[in-house]
N, C-alpha and C. Protein backbone atom coordinates (compact mmCIF):
# COMPACT_ATOMS: atom_id res chain seq x y z
N MET A 1 0.70 -1.45 0.03
CA MET A 1 -0.09 -0.02 -0.05
C MET A 1 1.03 1.40 -0.06
N ASP A 2 0.54 2.32 -0.72
CA ASP A 2 0.76 3.29 -1.04
C ASP A 2 1.08 4.20 0.61
N GLU A 3 1.54 4.92 0.92
CA GLU A 3 1.36 6.60 1.67
C GLU A 3 -0.29 7.18 1.47
N GLN A 4 -0.08 7.46 0.34
CA GLN A 4 -1.44 8.32 -0.09
C GLN A 4 -2.43 7.18 0.32
N SER A 5 -2.63 5.94 0.02
CA SER A 5 -3.60 4.98 0.52
C SER A 5 -4.06 4.99 1.80
N MET A 6 -2.80 4.73 2.56
CA MET A 6 -3.13 4.62 4.02
C MET A 6 -3.75 5.86 4.83
N LEU A 7 -3.06 6.60 4.26
CA LEU A 7 -3.62 8.22 4.94
C LEU A 7 -5.03 7.99 4.86
N HIS A 8 -5.37 7.93 3.33
CA HIS A 8 -6.85 8.03 3.07
C HIS A 8 -7.47 6.91 3.65
N THR A 9 -7.35 6.20 3.99
CA THR A 9 -8.08 4.87 5.00
C THR A 9 -8.22 5.20 6.04
N GLY A 10 -6.68 5.79 7.04
CA GLY A 10 -6.74 6.07 8.53
C GLY A 10 -7.81 7.63 8.27
N ILE A 11 -8.10 8.34 7.60
CA ILE A 11 -8.95 9.28 7.68
C ILE A 11 -10.21 8.38 7.60
N ASP A 12 -10.33 7.76 6.49
CA ASP A 12 -11.63 7.24 7.00
C ASP A 12 -12.02 6.48 7.91
N LEU A 13 -10.93 5.56 8.43
CA LEU A 13 -11.96 4.92 10.10
C LEU A 13 -12.00 6.41 10.67
N MET A 14 -11.12 7.35 10.84
CA MET A 14 -11.20 8.21 11.77
C MET A 14 -12.56 8.90 11.95
N GLY A 15 -13.35 9.19 10.83
CA GLY A 15 -14.57 9.35 10.00
C GLY A 15 -15.14 8.53 10.51
N ALA A 16 -15.22 7.41 9.96
CA ALA A 16 -16.49 6.63 10.98
C ALA A 16 -15.99 5.92 12.81
N ARG A 17 -15.21 6.56 13.36
CA ARG A 17 -15.23 6.50 14.52
C ARG A 17 -16.30 7.74 15.09
N ARG A 18 -15.74 8.54 14.75
CA ARG A 18 -16.35 9.76 14.67
C ARG A 18 -17.83 9.89 14.84
N ASN A 19 -18.26 9.75 13.58
CA ASN A 19 -19.71 9.10 13.24
C ASN A 19 -20.34 8.21 14.46
N LEU A 20 -19.90 7.09 14.86
CA LEU A 20 -20.54 6.30 15.33
C LEU A 20 -20.35 6.81 16.62
N VAL A 21 -19.35 7.54 17.63
CA VAL A 21 -19.35 7.94 18.96
C VAL A 21 -20.65 9.56 18.93
N ASN A 22 -20.61 9.80 17.60
CA ASN A 22 -21.79 10.98 17.54
C ASN A 22 -23.17 10.40 17.47
N PHE A 23 -23.27 9.35 16.74
CA PHE A 23 -24.53 8.70 16.96
C PHE A 23 -24.65 8.22 18.07
N VAL A 24 -23.57 7.55 18.70
CA VAL A 24 -23.69 6.89 20.47
C VAL A 24 -24.52 8.21 21.44
N LYS A 25 -23.95 9.35 21.16
CA LYS A 25 -24.18 10.35 22.08
C LYS A 25 -25.43 10.70 21.94
N TRP A 26 -26.05 11.23 20.69
CA TRP A 26 -27.63 11.09 20.03
C TRP A 26 -28.62 10.33 20.35
N PHE A 27 -28.02 9.46 20.65
CA PHE A 27 -28.90 8.12 20.84
C PHE A 27 -29.23 8.58 22.04
N LEU A 28 -27.97 8.56 22.90
CA LEU A 28 -28.07 8.73 24.59
C LEU A 28 -28.96 9.89 25.23
N VAL A 29 -29.25 11.00 24.77
CA VAL A 29 -29.98 11.62 24.81
C VAL A 29 -30.79 11.64 24.22
N GLY A 30 -31.17 11.06 23.40
CA GLY A 30 -32.58 10.91 23.24
C GLY A 30 -33.30 10.27 24.15
N MET A 31 -32.93 9.12 24.72
CA MET A 31 -33.44 8.13 25.62
C MET A 31 -33.52 8.96 26.74
N VAL A 32 -32.80 9.39 27.50
CA VAL A 32 -33.03 10.57 28.57
C VAL A 32 -33.92 11.56 27.85
N LEU A 33 -33.55 12.05 27.02
CA LEU A 33 -35.07 13.05 26.83
C LEU A 33 -36.49 12.30 26.55
N SER A 34 -36.90 10.98 26.21
CA SER A 34 -37.84 10.58 25.92
C SER A 34 -38.50 9.71 27.49
N GLY A 35 -37.53 9.41 28.23
CA GLY A 35 -37.84 8.93 29.40
C GLY A 35 -38.19 10.03 30.60
N CYS A 36 -37.87 11.35 30.45
CA CYS A 36 -38.29 12.53 30.96
C CYS A 36 -39.48 12.99 30.53
N ALA A 37 -40.41 12.65 29.13
CA ALA A 37 -41.69 13.09 28.50
C ALA A 37 -42.34 11.63 28.88
N ALA A 38 -42.14 10.78 29.32
CA ALA A 38 -42.81 9.99 29.58
C ALA A 38 -43.05 10.22 31.22
N GLN A 39 -44.81 9.77 30.62
CA GLN A 39 -45.68 10.28 31.91
C GLN A 39 -45.23 8.87 33.20
N ALA A 40 -44.55 9.68 34.93
CA ALA A 40 -44.09 9.11 35.40
C ALA A 40 -45.80 8.68 36.33
N ARG A 41 -45.33 7.62 37.09
CA ARG A 41 -46.24 7.11 37.88
C ARG A 41 -46.39 7.53 39.18
N PRO A 42 -47.05 8.01 39.74
CA PRO A 42 -46.70 8.39 41.16
C PRO A 42 -46.34 7.86 42.26
N LYS A 43 -45.29 7.88 43.08
CA LYS A 43 -44.55 6.63 43.40
C LYS A 43 -45.48 7.01 45.03
N TYR A 44 -46.25 7.85 45.47
CA TYR A 44 -46.80 8.46 46.86
C TYR A 44 -48.52 8.31 46.53
N THR A 45 -49.46 7.79 47.51
CA THR A 45 -50.85 8.02 47.32
C THR A 45 -51.05 8.75 48.54
N ASP A 46 -51.25 9.64 48.67
CA ASP A 46 -51.71 10.22 50.14
C ASP A 46 -53.11 9.87 50.89
N VAL A 47 -53.08 8.95 52.01
CA VAL A 47 -54.59 8.70 52.01
C VAL A 47 -54.66 9.30 53.77
N SER A 48 -56.05 9.90 53.79
CA SER A 48 -56.31 10.63 55.01
C SER A 48 -57.31 9.55 55.88
N LEU A 49 -56.65 9.39 57.33
CA LEU A 49 -57.91 8.43 57.87
C LEU A 49 -58.62 8.95 59.09
N SER A 50 -59.60 9.30 59.16
CA SER A 50 -60.65 9.84 60.19
C SER A 50 -60.95 9.20 60.79
N LEU A 51 -60.75 9.52 62.18
CA LEU A 51 -61.24 8.29 63.21
C LEU A 51 -61.76 9.50 64.44
N GLN A 52 -63.04 9.40 64.62
CA GLN A 52 -63.55 9.54 65.66
C GLN A 52 -63.87 8.49 67.04
N ALA A 53 -64.27 8.77 68.09
CA ALA A 53 -63.91 7.47 69.16
C ALA A 53 -65.69 8.40 69.86
N ASP A 54 -66.24 7.02 70.15
CA ASP A 54 -67.32 7.57 71.19
C ASP A 54 -66.93 7.11 72.67
N ALA A 55 -67.77 8.03 73.34
CA ALA A 55 -67.44 7.97 74.57
C ALA A 55 -68.31 7.25 75.69
N PRO A 56 -68.26 6.18 76.02
CA PRO A 56 -66.36 5.65 76.28
C PRO A 56 -66.22 4.68 75.54
N ILE A 57 -64.58 4.63 75.62
CA ILE A 57 -63.85 3.17 74.70
C ILE A 57 -63.37 2.51 76.17
N ASN A 58 -62.99 1.72 75.64
CA ASN A 58 -61.78 0.83 76.06
C ASN A 58 -61.82 0.91 77.70
N ASP A 59 -62.91 1.06 78.26
CA ASP A 59 -62.93 1.01 80.00
C ASP A 59 -62.60 2.28 80.11
N GLY A 60 -62.51 3.66 79.54
CA GLY A 60 -61.72 4.63 80.02
C GLY A 60 -60.06 4.66 80.12
N VAL A 61 -59.68 3.70 79.39
CA VAL A 61 -58.38 3.95 79.35
C VAL A 61 -57.94 3.85 78.20
N LEU A 62 -57.01 4.95 78.33
CA LEU A 62 -56.30 5.23 76.61
C LEU A 62 -56.21 3.90 75.47
N LEU A 63 -56.74 4.02 74.36
CA LEU A 63 -56.52 2.77 73.49
C LEU A 63 -55.21 3.61 72.33
N PRO A 64 -54.49 2.20 72.39
CA PRO A 64 -53.79 2.80 71.38
C PRO A 64 -53.67 1.94 70.21
N ILE A 65 -53.27 2.60 69.27
CA ILE A 65 -53.78 2.50 67.62
C ILE A 65 -52.59 2.19 66.99
N ASP A 66 -52.30 1.56 65.88
CA ASP A 66 -51.27 1.44 65.30
C ASP A 66 -51.51 1.47 63.63
N VAL A 67 -51.61 2.19 62.21
CA VAL A 67 -51.75 2.30 61.39
C VAL A 67 -50.28 1.96 60.64
N ILE A 68 -50.90 0.67 60.18
CA ILE A 68 -49.60 0.10 59.40
C ILE A 68 -49.81 0.05 57.78
N ALA A 69 -49.24 0.51 56.71
CA ALA A 69 -48.84 0.79 55.34
C ALA A 69 -47.94 -0.23 54.98
N VAL A 70 -48.10 -1.56 54.27
CA VAL A 70 -47.17 -2.04 53.84
C VAL A 70 -47.47 -2.87 52.85
N ASN A 71 -46.53 -3.35 52.01
CA ASN A 71 -47.10 -4.50 50.35
C ASN A 71 -46.99 -5.45 50.72
N GLU A 72 -47.47 -6.19 50.15
CA GLU A 72 -48.39 -7.32 49.96
C GLU A 72 -47.65 -8.48 51.00
N ILE A 73 -46.07 -8.66 51.28
CA ILE A 73 -45.61 -9.77 51.66
C ILE A 73 -45.42 -9.13 53.39
N LYS A 74 -45.29 -8.23 53.50
CA LYS A 74 -45.61 -7.52 55.04
C LYS A 74 -46.80 -7.88 55.48
N ALA A 75 -47.38 -7.30 54.27
CA ALA A 75 -49.05 -7.28 55.39
C ALA A 75 -49.54 -9.00 55.68
N ASP A 76 -49.08 -9.83 55.10
CA ASP A 76 -49.36 -11.23 55.11
C ASP A 76 -48.85 -11.71 56.37
N ALA A 77 -46.97 -11.09 56.61
CA ALA A 77 -46.74 -11.23 57.94
C ALA A 77 -47.29 -10.06 59.41
N VAL A 78 -48.02 -9.49 58.82
CA VAL A 78 -48.43 -8.47 59.67
C VAL A 78 -49.59 -9.24 60.43
N LEU A 79 -50.33 -9.68 59.29
CA LEU A 79 -51.74 -10.36 60.09
C LEU A 79 -51.64 -11.38 60.20
N SER A 80 -50.44 -12.30 60.21
CA SER A 80 -50.41 -13.42 60.57
C SER A 80 -50.42 -13.30 62.45
N VAL A 81 -50.29 -12.06 63.19
CA VAL A 81 -50.01 -11.86 64.35
C VAL A 81 -51.61 -11.04 64.47
N SER A 82 -51.64 -11.64 65.68
CA SER A 82 -52.98 -11.29 66.03
C SER A 82 -53.33 -9.68 66.46
N PRO A 83 -54.36 -8.70 66.52
CA PRO A 83 -54.28 -7.82 67.03
C PRO A 83 -53.49 -7.52 68.97
N GLU A 84 -53.92 -8.90 69.04
CA GLU A 84 -53.60 -9.04 70.83
C GLU A 84 -52.50 -8.44 71.25
N GLU A 85 -51.63 -9.92 70.05
CA GLU A 85 -50.13 -9.79 70.18
C GLU A 85 -49.57 -9.03 69.52
N TRP A 86 -49.97 -8.18 68.12
CA TRP A 86 -49.32 -7.31 67.61
C TRP A 86 -48.57 -6.38 68.69
N PHE A 87 -48.99 -5.61 69.70
CA PHE A 87 -48.28 -4.68 70.42
C PHE A 87 -47.40 -4.93 71.61
N GLY A 88 -46.94 -6.49 71.40
CA GLY A 88 -45.43 -6.57 72.22
C GLY A 88 -45.03 -7.40 71.45
N ASN A 89 -45.07 -7.77 69.66
CA ASN A 89 -44.73 -8.27 68.77
C ASN A 89 -43.38 -7.48 68.51
N ASP A 90 -42.36 -8.26 67.72
CA ASP A 90 -40.92 -7.48 67.87
C ASP A 90 -40.97 -6.97 66.49
N MET A 91 -41.99 -7.89 65.41
CA MET A 91 -41.94 -6.93 63.99
C MET A 91 -42.75 -5.55 63.92
N ARG A 92 -43.15 -5.15 65.11
CA ARG A 92 -43.79 -4.09 64.87
C ARG A 92 -42.84 -3.14 65.23
N GLU A 93 -41.78 -3.36 65.91
CA GLU A 93 -40.73 -2.49 66.43
C GLU A 93 -39.23 -2.37 64.94
N ARG A 94 -39.73 -3.31 63.90
CA ARG A 94 -38.88 -3.24 63.16
C ARG A 94 -39.36 -1.97 62.07
N LEU A 95 -40.64 -2.13 62.04
CA LEU A 95 -41.51 -1.50 60.77
C LEU A 95 -41.21 -0.28 60.62
N THR A 96 -40.52 0.33 60.02
CA THR A 96 -39.77 1.91 59.83
C THR A 96 -41.37 2.46 59.66
N SER A 97 -40.78 3.95 60.20
CA SER A 97 -41.80 5.01 60.45
C SER A 97 -42.80 5.76 59.11
N GLU A 98 -42.18 5.30 58.01
CA GLU A 98 -43.14 5.22 57.18
C GLU A 98 -43.99 4.08 56.42
N GLU A 99 -43.99 2.95 57.68
CA GLU A 99 -44.87 1.48 57.35
C GLU A 99 -45.79 1.83 58.80
N ILE A 100 -45.26 2.27 60.03
CA ILE A 100 -46.29 2.40 60.70
C ILE A 100 -46.33 3.82 61.41
N GLN A 101 -47.25 4.41 62.00
CA GLN A 101 -47.91 5.41 62.38
C GLN A 101 -48.27 4.72 64.01
N LYS A 102 -47.66 5.06 65.28
CA LYS A 102 -48.49 4.63 66.49
C LYS A 102 -48.97 5.51 67.02
N PHE A 103 -50.21 5.66 67.84
CA PHE A 103 -50.56 6.92 68.65
C PHE A 103 -51.78 6.12 69.78
N ALA A 104 -52.43 7.08 70.17
CA ALA A 104 -53.34 6.69 71.09
C ALA A 104 -54.39 7.44 71.00
N ILE A 105 -55.62 7.24 71.51
CA ILE A 105 -56.74 8.07 71.50
C ILE A 105 -57.92 7.61 72.61
N LYS A 106 -58.27 8.62 73.41
CA LYS A 106 -58.85 8.40 74.35
C LYS A 106 -60.38 9.04 73.76
N ASP A 107 -61.19 8.67 75.17
CA ASP A 107 -62.89 8.74 75.16
C ASP A 107 -63.25 10.13 74.28
N GLY A 108 -63.61 9.71 73.39
CA GLY A 108 -64.94 11.16 72.53
C GLY A 108 -63.60 11.98 71.96
N GLY A 109 -62.20 11.37 71.51
CA GLY A 109 -61.43 11.87 70.59
C GLY A 109 -61.79 12.04 69.40
N ASN A 110 -61.22 12.58 68.58
CA ASN A 110 -60.73 12.96 66.84
C ASN A 110 -59.08 12.99 67.10
N ARG A 111 -58.98 12.24 65.80
CA ARG A 111 -57.95 12.37 64.81
C ARG A 111 -57.82 12.08 63.53
N ILE A 112 -56.84 12.79 63.33
CA ILE A 112 -57.07 12.71 61.43
C ILE A 112 -55.09 12.02 61.18
N ILE A 113 -55.43 11.03 60.33
CA ILE A 113 -53.99 10.25 60.49
C ILE A 113 -53.51 10.73 58.89
N ASP A 114 -52.74 11.30 58.93
CA ASP A 114 -51.94 10.99 56.73
C ASP A 114 -51.23 10.24 56.97
N VAL A 115 -51.76 9.29 55.88
CA VAL A 115 -50.92 8.04 55.42
C VAL A 115 -50.26 8.19 54.12
N ARG A 116 -48.93 8.00 53.73
CA ARG A 116 -48.60 8.45 52.50
C ARG A 116 -48.02 6.93 52.52
N VAL A 117 -48.82 6.58 51.28
CA VAL A 117 -48.71 5.34 50.69
C VAL A 117 -47.87 5.18 49.47
N PRO A 118 -46.88 4.33 49.91
CA PRO A 118 -46.12 3.51 48.53
C PRO A 118 -47.10 2.73 47.39
N SER A 119 -46.48 3.53 46.12
CA SER A 119 -47.61 2.88 45.00
C SER A 119 -47.17 1.29 44.96
N GLU A 120 -46.20 0.64 45.82
CA GLU A 120 -46.45 -0.42 45.60
C GLU A 120 -46.92 -1.53 47.11
N VAL A 121 -47.84 -0.26 47.67
CA VAL A 121 -48.03 -0.99 49.27
C VAL A 121 -49.83 -1.67 48.66
N GLY A 122 -49.89 -2.59 49.43
CA GLY A 122 -50.76 -3.78 49.21
C GLY A 122 -52.01 -2.99 50.18
N ARG A 123 -52.00 -3.13 51.53
CA ARG A 123 -52.82 -2.72 52.55
C ARG A 123 -52.57 -1.39 52.93
N ILE A 124 -53.75 -0.86 53.76
CA ILE A 124 -53.12 -0.43 54.92
C ILE A 124 -54.49 -1.11 55.93
N ILE A 125 -53.44 -1.72 57.19
CA ILE A 125 -54.05 -2.60 58.46
C ILE A 125 -53.72 -1.13 59.80
N VAL A 126 -55.21 -0.81 60.24
CA VAL A 126 -55.02 -0.53 61.69
C VAL A 126 -55.82 -1.36 62.82
N TYR A 127 -54.38 -1.54 63.70
CA TYR A 127 -54.86 -2.61 64.81
C TYR A 127 -55.14 -1.41 65.89
N ALA A 128 -56.18 -1.88 66.94
CA ALA A 128 -56.24 -1.55 68.28
C ALA A 128 -56.24 -2.65 69.37
N ASP A 129 -55.49 -2.00 70.69
CA ASP A 129 -55.58 -2.69 71.69
C ASP A 129 -56.20 -2.59 72.79
N TYR A 130 -57.47 -2.94 72.54
CA TYR A 130 -58.82 -2.55 73.57
C TYR A 130 -58.60 -3.88 74.49
N GLU A 131 -58.74 -3.28 75.65
CA GLU A 131 -58.72 -4.01 77.03
C GLU A 131 -58.94 -4.80 77.30
N ASN A 132 -60.36 -4.70 76.76
CA ASN A 132 -61.46 -6.12 77.05
C ASN A 132 -61.91 -7.06 76.14
N THR A 133 -61.52 -7.14 75.16
CA THR A 133 -62.16 -7.63 73.61
C THR A 133 -61.12 -8.19 72.83
N SER A 134 -60.82 -9.52 72.79
CA SER A 134 -59.92 -10.07 72.43
C SER A 134 -60.34 -10.87 70.80
N GLU A 135 -61.50 -10.46 70.39
CA GLU A 135 -61.79 -10.65 69.13
C GLU A 135 -61.01 -10.11 67.98
N ARG A 136 -60.46 -10.53 66.99
CA ARG A 136 -59.69 -10.21 66.03
C ARG A 136 -60.16 -9.65 65.43
N GLU A 137 -62.13 -9.77 65.05
CA GLU A 137 -62.58 -8.82 63.60
C GLU A 137 -62.93 -7.67 64.49
N ARG A 138 -62.79 -7.33 65.75
CA ARG A 138 -62.97 -6.03 66.69
C ARG A 138 -62.30 -5.04 66.53
N GLN A 139 -60.67 -5.67 66.56
CA GLN A 139 -59.75 -5.11 67.02
C GLN A 139 -58.98 -4.95 65.89
N GLN A 140 -59.03 -5.27 64.58
CA GLN A 140 -58.47 -4.49 62.62
C GLN A 140 -59.62 -4.01 62.07
N ILE A 141 -58.63 -3.41 61.54
CA ILE A 141 -59.70 -2.80 60.42
C ILE A 141 -58.07 -2.81 58.80
N ILE A 142 -58.71 -3.71 57.86
CA ILE A 142 -58.04 -4.28 56.46
C ILE A 142 -58.39 -2.77 55.44
N ILE A 143 -57.79 -2.34 54.71
CA ILE A 143 -58.06 -1.32 53.68
C ILE A 143 -57.41 -2.03 52.38
N PHE A 144 -58.18 -2.25 51.55
CA PHE A 144 -57.37 -2.65 50.22
C PHE A 144 -57.74 -1.47 49.22
N PRO A 145 -56.87 -1.43 48.38
CA PRO A 145 -57.18 0.08 47.37
C PRO A 145 -58.34 -0.71 46.18
N GLY A 146 -59.27 0.48 46.36
CA GLY A 146 -60.48 -0.41 45.43
C GLY A 146 -60.33 -0.26 43.83
N LYS A 147 -60.29 -0.89 42.74
CA LYS A 147 -59.32 -0.63 41.32
C LYS A 147 -58.12 0.01 41.53
N ASP A 148 -57.19 -0.78 42.15
CA ASP A 148 -55.92 -0.85 42.03
C ASP A 148 -55.83 0.74 42.63
N ARG A 149 -56.17 1.27 43.29
CA ARG A 149 -55.70 2.71 44.18
C ARG A 149 -56.64 2.94 44.97
N PHE A 150 -56.37 3.62 45.96
CA PHE A 150 -56.96 3.87 47.78
C PHE A 150 -58.16 5.08 47.29
N LYS A 151 -59.01 5.18 48.22
CA LYS A 151 -59.81 6.66 47.81
C LYS A 151 -58.22 7.35 48.64
N SER A 152 -59.17 8.75 48.69
CA SER A 152 -58.15 10.07 49.60
C SER A 152 -58.34 10.02 50.78
N ASN A 153 -59.69 9.21 51.61
CA ASN A 153 -59.80 9.82 52.46
C ASN A 153 -60.62 8.46 53.34
N TYR A 154 -61.09 8.00 54.09
CA TYR A 154 -61.56 6.85 54.87
C TYR A 154 -61.92 7.29 56.33
N SER A 155 -63.13 6.85 56.72
CA SER A 155 -63.66 7.18 57.80
C SER A 155 -63.40 5.60 58.85
N ILE A 156 -63.28 6.27 60.32
CA ILE A 156 -62.94 4.77 61.45
C ILE A 156 -63.93 5.72 62.13
N ARG A 157 -64.62 4.01 62.70
CA ARG A 157 -65.20 5.07 64.12
C ARG A 157 -65.18 3.98 65.13
N ILE A 158 -64.35 4.89 66.51
CA ILE A 158 -64.26 3.88 67.55
C ILE A 158 -65.00 3.90 68.27
N GLN A 159 -65.62 2.42 68.60
CA GLN A 159 -66.75 2.48 69.28
C GLN A 159 -66.27 1.92 70.78
N LYS A 160 -67.02 1.73 71.95
CA LYS A 160 -66.95 1.22 72.78
C LYS A 160 -65.73 0.14 73.51
N ASN A 161 -65.92 -1.11 72.18
CA ASN A 161 -64.77 -2.53 72.07
C ASN A 161 -64.47 -2.83 71.01
N ARG A 162 -64.76 -1.94 69.90
CA ARG A 162 -64.28 -2.42 68.34
C ARG A 162 -64.45 -1.48 67.36
N LEU A 163 -63.73 -1.74 66.19
CA LEU A 163 -63.44 -0.71 65.24
C LEU A 163 -64.51 -0.67 64.45
N GLU A 164 -64.98 0.68 63.35
CA GLU A 164 -65.47 0.18 62.51
C GLU A 164 -65.42 1.09 61.02
N LEU A 165 -65.12 0.50 60.24
CA LEU A 165 -64.68 1.35 58.70
C LEU A 165 -65.91 2.18 58.26
N THR A 166 -66.51 3.60 58.49
CA THR A 166 -67.36 3.83 58.17
C THR A 166 -67.80 4.16 56.69
N GLN A 167 -67.13 4.17 55.73
CA GLN A 167 -66.93 5.11 54.73
C GLN A 167 -66.14 4.24 53.87
């Protein structure tokens, strides 16, 4: 090969490499921009729980309540523990502050609890620790998303010895 042919081939290879590098750069820029333009699914749903307590409740003793928002796997694990045993269980302490809200309510009390539910959450579970009730159905509420999403608010009535989802 003569010098001129080698020089010409080297320029062609350089040009081809440059074109390939430019193509890759523009392709990546296009991918990034198309990702920005795509509709993003919200990562959270904000749900409000409005709790209204009758007077009297829980034999006049402050009523501990936990609101738990967890994915299906953790929901199954939580529900494997009865409300009666829940308040002394280590799983309760291992949940993060995003997964559990702990509070107490007294006779005639009202409370609004805002729950930020991650999109992959399966259920919202409400457990109460009544003094003289051991029936599971009276001490728990399980809220499932309707048609793949939660409503923006739910009302819970706290009666003398049971919880009731009223909305």
